[in-house]
Amino acid sequence: MTQPAIFNWSGGKDSALALYKVRQSGQYAVQTLLTTVSEPYQRISMHGVRVELLDRQAASLGLPCRKLFLPETPTMEAYERLMSSTLQELQAQGAEVAIFGDIFLEDLRHYREAKLAEAGWRADFPLWGVPTGELIREFLALGFKTITTCVNEKYLDRSFVGRVIDEQFLRDLPPHVDPCGENGEFHTFVFDGPLFREPIAFEQGEIVHRTYTPAPKADNSDYECGDTADPSPFDTGFWYCDLL
C-alpha cells in the first residue's frame, strides 16, 4: 500500500534523483512538493532560482508545489515556527512522511528526524549513504540535465556558476569539492530528465556576486527544507547565475 507523502523539493539535482527513485519504488504517493522561498526576492532560497521557473518545474512534474515563504534573514526559531504550521496543514491532508534528497550529513538527518517526530511525521532519505560520485553519474546516465545557479566562493570560483553539469564539469571540480555539492559547495536547477513531461525553457541572465552578513543562528542550507536556505548565516560570498 502506498503511503501519502510530501517531497522537500529544492529544484536541484539531488531532489530530482530522489523523486525519481521514489516514483520507481512505488512506496509513496507524493501529494505535493514543498519548497522554501525567499519572500522578498521571490526565489528558491539559496539556489536563487525564480519562482516562475519553480512553478514550471512543478507543472512539468505534474505535482502541486507548496511554497514556504521566509523573510530575508530568518532566525532558526522563525523558520521552525513556519515549518511547524505548514506541516500541520499538510498533515491534515493525510501526509505523515516527508522525503528528502540528503545523502550523508548525519547532523542534518538527525535534525530533520527529530523535528518531524515532534510533529508526528517520519522522514525518508532515498539517496542516503550512496557514494556521491555514483549518484551524480547515475543522474547523468538517466538523462537528467541541470545547471549550477549558485556556487560558494570558499570552494569554487566564478567559472563554475552557470555551467551545465557534465563529465567535463566533474573533471574540473577541485579534489576537495563533493561531486554532488553535498557540503553546500554549489546548487543547481534541473531543467530536463525522465521525470518531466517537457523540458523547462530558460535563458541565462547575468552573473552576480553577493556577500551576506552573518545573522544570529539563522537557518542554513543544511537545515533548510529541500536543501535550501537563506544564506545570511554564511560568512562568505556566493556567485549566482540568474535564470530567466
Protein backbone atom coordinates (compact mmCIF):
# COMPACT_ATOMS: atom_id res chain seq x y z
CA MET A 1 0.00 0.00 0.00
CA THR A 2 1.44 3.37 -1.00
CA GLN A 3 1.80 5.95 1.75
CA PRO A 4 0.88 9.61 1.21
CA ALA A 5 3.95 11.84 1.47
CA ILE A 6 5.31 15.28 0.74
CA PHE A 7 8.58 15.86 -1.09
CA ASN A 8 11.00 18.55 0.06
CA TRP A 9 11.92 19.98 -3.32
CA SER A 10 14.83 22.36 -3.96
CA GLY A 11 14.62 22.31 -7.74
CA GLY A 12 18.10 20.80 -7.90
CA LYS A 13 19.69 17.53 -8.92
CA ASP A 14 19.54 15.64 -5.61
CA SER A 15 15.84 16.38 -5.29
CA ALA A 16 15.24 15.21 -8.84
CA LEU A 17 17.11 11.94 -8.40
CA ALA A 18 15.45 11.24 -5.06
CA LEU A 19 11.99 11.88 -6.54
CA TYR A 20 12.85 9.60 -9.46
CA LYS A 21 13.74 6.79 -7.05
CA VAL A 22 10.56 7.37 -5.06
CA ARG A 23 8.43 7.06 -8.17
CA GLN A 24 10.30 3.96 -9.28
CA SER A 25 9.79 2.28 -5.91
CA GLY A 26 6.04 2.91 -5.74
CA GLN A 27 6.28 3.10 -1.95
CA TYR A 28 4.89 6.62 -1.65
CA ALA A 29 2.18 8.68 -3.26
CA VAL A 30 3.70 12.17 -3.32
CA GLN A 31 0.91 14.66 -2.71
CA THR A 32 2.87 17.88 -3.06
CA LEU A 33 6.29 19.41 -3.37
CA LEU A 34 7.37 21.68 -0.52
CA THR A 35 9.88 24.41 -1.35
CA THR A 36 11.33 27.18 0.77
CA VAL A 37 11.28 30.57 -0.97
CA SER A 38 12.79 33.91 -0.05
CA GLU A 39 9.72 36.13 0.20
CA PRO A 40 11.47 39.47 -0.56
CA TYR A 41 13.21 38.10 -3.68
CA GLN A 42 10.64 35.50 -4.81
CA ARG A 43 13.38 32.97 -5.44
CA ILE A 44 14.15 29.48 -4.18
CA SER A 45 16.21 30.05 -1.05
CA MET A 46 19.94 29.64 -1.58
CA HIS A 47 19.55 28.34 -5.12
CA GLY A 48 18.46 31.78 -6.32
CA VAL A 49 16.01 30.40 -8.89
CA ARG A 50 12.96 32.48 -9.74
CA VAL A 51 9.57 31.25 -8.52
CA GLU A 52 8.29 31.28 -12.10
CA LEU A 53 10.78 28.54 -13.01
CA LEU A 54 9.88 26.57 -9.88
CA ASP A 55 6.23 26.69 -10.97
CA ARG A 56 7.18 25.43 -14.43
CA GLN A 57 9.12 22.55 -12.88
CA ALA A 58 6.12 21.57 -10.76
CA ALA A 59 3.78 21.73 -13.74
CA SER A 60 6.10 19.56 -15.82
CA LEU A 61 6.34 17.08 -12.93
CA GLY A 62 2.56 17.01 -12.61
CA LEU A 63 2.65 17.95 -8.92
CA PRO A 64 1.42 20.93 -6.91
CA CYS A 65 4.06 22.96 -5.10
CA ARG A 66 3.51 24.37 -1.63
CA LYS A 67 5.82 27.33 -1.01
CA LEU A 68 7.09 28.17 2.45
CA PHE A 69 7.93 31.88 2.33
CA LEU A 70 10.76 33.08 4.55
CA PRO A 71 11.77 36.65 5.44
CA GLU A 72 15.15 37.92 4.28
CA THR A 73 17.08 36.89 7.40
CA PRO A 74 15.03 34.28 9.29
CA THR A 75 16.14 33.04 12.66
CA MET A 76 16.06 29.34 13.34
CA GLU A 77 13.08 29.92 15.61
CA ALA A 78 11.16 31.74 12.90
CA TYR A 79 11.93 29.01 10.37
CA GLU A 80 10.83 26.25 12.71
CA ARG A 81 7.63 28.07 13.59
CA LEU A 82 6.71 28.50 9.92
CA MET A 83 7.62 24.92 9.11
CA SER A 84 5.60 23.57 12.03
CA SER A 85 2.43 25.36 10.95
CA THR A 86 2.93 24.24 7.34
CA LEU A 87 3.37 20.61 8.39
CA GLN A 88 0.19 20.77 10.45
CA GLU A 89 -1.75 21.89 7.39
CA LEU A 90 -0.22 19.20 5.18
CA GLN A 91 -0.80 16.52 7.81
CA ALA A 92 -4.48 17.41 7.84
CA GLN A 93 -4.49 16.40 4.17
CA GLY A 94 -3.28 12.92 5.07
CA ALA A 95 0.51 13.01 4.69
CA GLU A 96 2.83 11.98 7.52
CA VAL A 97 6.05 11.21 5.62
CA ALA A 98 8.49 13.87 4.39
CA ILE A 99 11.03 12.85 1.75
CA PHE A 100 14.45 14.49 1.37
CA GLY A 101 17.35 14.32 -1.06
CA ASP A 102 20.06 14.37 1.62
CA ILE A 103 22.96 11.98 1.14
CA PHE A 104 25.40 11.82 4.04
CA LEU A 105 25.20 14.73 6.51
CA GLU A 106 24.41 12.94 9.77
CA ASP A 107 23.66 16.04 11.85
CA LEU A 108 21.24 17.24 9.20
CA ARG A 109 19.41 13.93 9.14
CA HIS A 110 19.16 13.84 12.93
CA TYR A 111 17.81 17.39 12.95
CA ARG A 112 15.16 16.61 10.37
CA GLU A 113 14.08 13.37 12.03
CA ALA A 114 13.84 14.95 15.48
CA LYS A 115 11.81 17.94 14.34
CA LEU A 116 9.49 15.84 12.22
CA ALA A 117 8.95 13.35 15.05
CA GLU A 118 7.84 16.23 17.29
CA ALA A 119 5.13 16.98 14.73
CA GLY A 120 4.12 13.34 14.27
CA TRP A 121 5.92 12.87 10.96
CA ARG A 122 8.52 10.44 9.63
CA ALA A 123 11.42 11.26 7.30
CA ASP A 124 12.71 9.20 4.40
CA PHE A 125 16.01 9.63 2.51
CA PRO A 126 16.09 7.66 -0.78
CA LEU A 127 19.70 8.64 -1.58
CA TRP A 128 21.13 8.07 1.88
CA GLY A 129 24.60 6.56 2.09
CA VAL A 130 25.16 6.12 -1.64
CA PRO A 131 28.59 7.46 -2.74
CA THR A 132 28.06 10.86 -4.32
CA GLY A 133 30.25 10.03 -7.31
CA GLU A 134 27.91 7.15 -8.13
CA LEU A 135 24.82 9.32 -7.65
CA ILE A 136 25.90 12.12 -9.98
CA ARG A 137 26.84 9.67 -12.72
CA GLU A 138 23.56 7.81 -12.32
CA PHE A 139 21.79 11.16 -12.55
CA LEU A 140 23.53 11.97 -15.83
CA ALA A 141 23.09 8.46 -17.23
CA LEU A 142 19.31 8.69 -16.66
CA GLY A 143 19.21 11.74 -18.90
CA PHE A 144 18.73 14.48 -16.33
CA LYS A 145 20.10 17.90 -17.19
CA THR A 146 20.99 20.51 -14.62
CA ILE A 147 22.78 23.84 -14.41
CA THR A 148 24.63 25.43 -11.49
CA THR A 149 22.86 28.53 -10.22
CA CYS A 150 24.92 29.25 -7.10
CA VAL A 151 28.47 28.47 -6.01
CA ASN A 152 30.13 29.16 -2.68
CA GLU A 153 33.34 31.09 -3.32
CA LYS A 154 35.03 29.32 -0.41
CA TYR A 155 35.13 26.26 -2.64
CA LEU A 156 34.66 27.34 -6.27
CA ASP A 157 35.32 30.40 -8.40
CA ARG A 158 33.04 32.31 -10.76
CA SER A 159 33.78 30.00 -13.68
CA PHE A 160 31.72 27.19 -12.11
CA VAL A 161 28.41 29.05 -11.95
CA GLY A 162 26.06 28.92 -14.92
CA ARG A 163 27.54 25.64 -16.16
CA VAL A 164 25.60 22.56 -17.16
CA ILE A 165 26.87 19.59 -15.15
CA ASP A 166 28.51 17.00 -17.36
CA GLU A 167 31.63 14.85 -17.27
CA GLN A 168 33.84 17.84 -18.03
CA PHE A 169 32.33 19.76 -15.12
CA LEU A 170 33.04 16.83 -12.81
CA ARG A 171 36.63 16.59 -14.04
CA ASP A 172 37.11 20.31 -13.43
CA LEU A 173 35.98 20.16 -9.79
CA PRO A 174 38.82 20.56 -7.26
CA PRO A 175 39.56 17.36 -5.29
CA HIS A 176 38.11 18.79 -2.04
CA VAL A 177 34.69 19.54 -3.61
CA ASP A 178 31.98 16.90 -3.35
CA PRO A 179 30.67 15.93 -6.82
CA CYS A 180 27.10 16.44 -5.60
CA GLY A 181 27.92 19.63 -3.72
CA GLU A 182 26.61 17.96 -0.57
CA ASN A 183 28.60 20.31 1.68
CA GLY A 184 26.99 23.38 0.12
CA GLU A 185 29.69 23.96 -2.50
CA PHE A 186 27.14 24.56 -5.27
CA HIS A 187 23.42 24.43 -6.01
CA THR A 188 21.57 23.61 -9.20
CA PHE A 189 18.39 23.83 -11.26
CA VAL A 190 17.17 20.72 -13.11
CA PHE A 191 15.59 21.55 -16.45
CA ASP A 192 15.10 18.20 -18.17
CA GLY A 193 15.02 14.48 -17.50
CA PRO A 194 12.83 11.39 -17.22
CA LEU A 195 10.53 12.93 -14.61
CA PHE A 196 9.50 15.87 -16.75
CA ARG A 197 6.66 15.98 -19.27
CA GLU A 198 8.64 18.62 -21.17
CA PRO A 199 11.94 20.48 -20.67
CA ILE A 200 11.92 23.73 -18.70
CA ALA A 201 12.80 26.55 -21.08
CA PHE A 202 15.03 29.32 -19.75
CA GLU A 203 17.75 31.75 -20.74
CA GLN A 204 20.87 32.59 -18.77
CA GLY A 205 20.93 36.09 -17.35
CA GLU A 206 23.65 37.99 -15.54
CA ILE A 207 26.13 36.52 -13.09
CA VAL A 208 26.30 38.42 -9.80
CA HIS A 209 28.33 38.17 -6.60
CA ARG A 210 26.68 38.51 -3.22
CA THR A 211 28.01 38.54 0.31
CA TYR A 212 25.94 38.24 3.45
CA THR A 213 26.33 39.49 6.98
CA PRO A 214 26.01 36.63 9.48
CA ALA A 215 22.72 36.63 11.37
CA PRO A 216 22.06 35.15 14.82
CA LYS A 217 21.89 31.36 14.24
CA ALA A 218 19.53 31.55 11.32
CA ASP A 219 18.61 28.53 9.29
CA ASN A 220 21.28 27.44 6.82
CA SER A 221 21.37 25.30 3.69
CA ASP A 222 21.98 22.15 5.68
CA TYR A 223 18.87 22.60 7.77
CA GLU A 224 16.54 24.06 5.22
CA CYS A 225 13.61 22.36 3.62
CA GLY A 226 14.66 20.88 0.34
CA ASP A 227 18.34 21.65 0.88
CA THR A 228 17.72 25.37 0.53
CA ALA A 229 18.07 28.29 2.84
CA ASP A 230 18.52 31.97 3.33
CA PRO A 231 22.28 32.43 3.07
CA SER A 232 22.59 35.10 5.78
CA PRO A 233 24.45 32.93 8.35
CA PHE A 234 27.30 32.23 5.91
CA ASP A 235 30.43 34.32 6.39
CA THR A 236 31.30 34.02 2.73
CA GLY A 237 30.33 35.16 -0.74
CA PHE A 238 28.35 33.43 -3.47
CA TRP A 239 28.28 33.62 -7.25
CA TYR A 240 24.78 33.42 -8.73
CA CYS A 241 23.68 32.89 -12.30
CA ASP A 242 20.23 34.34 -12.91
CA LEU A 243 17.93 32.18 -14.99
CA LEU A 244 15.23 33.96 -16.96
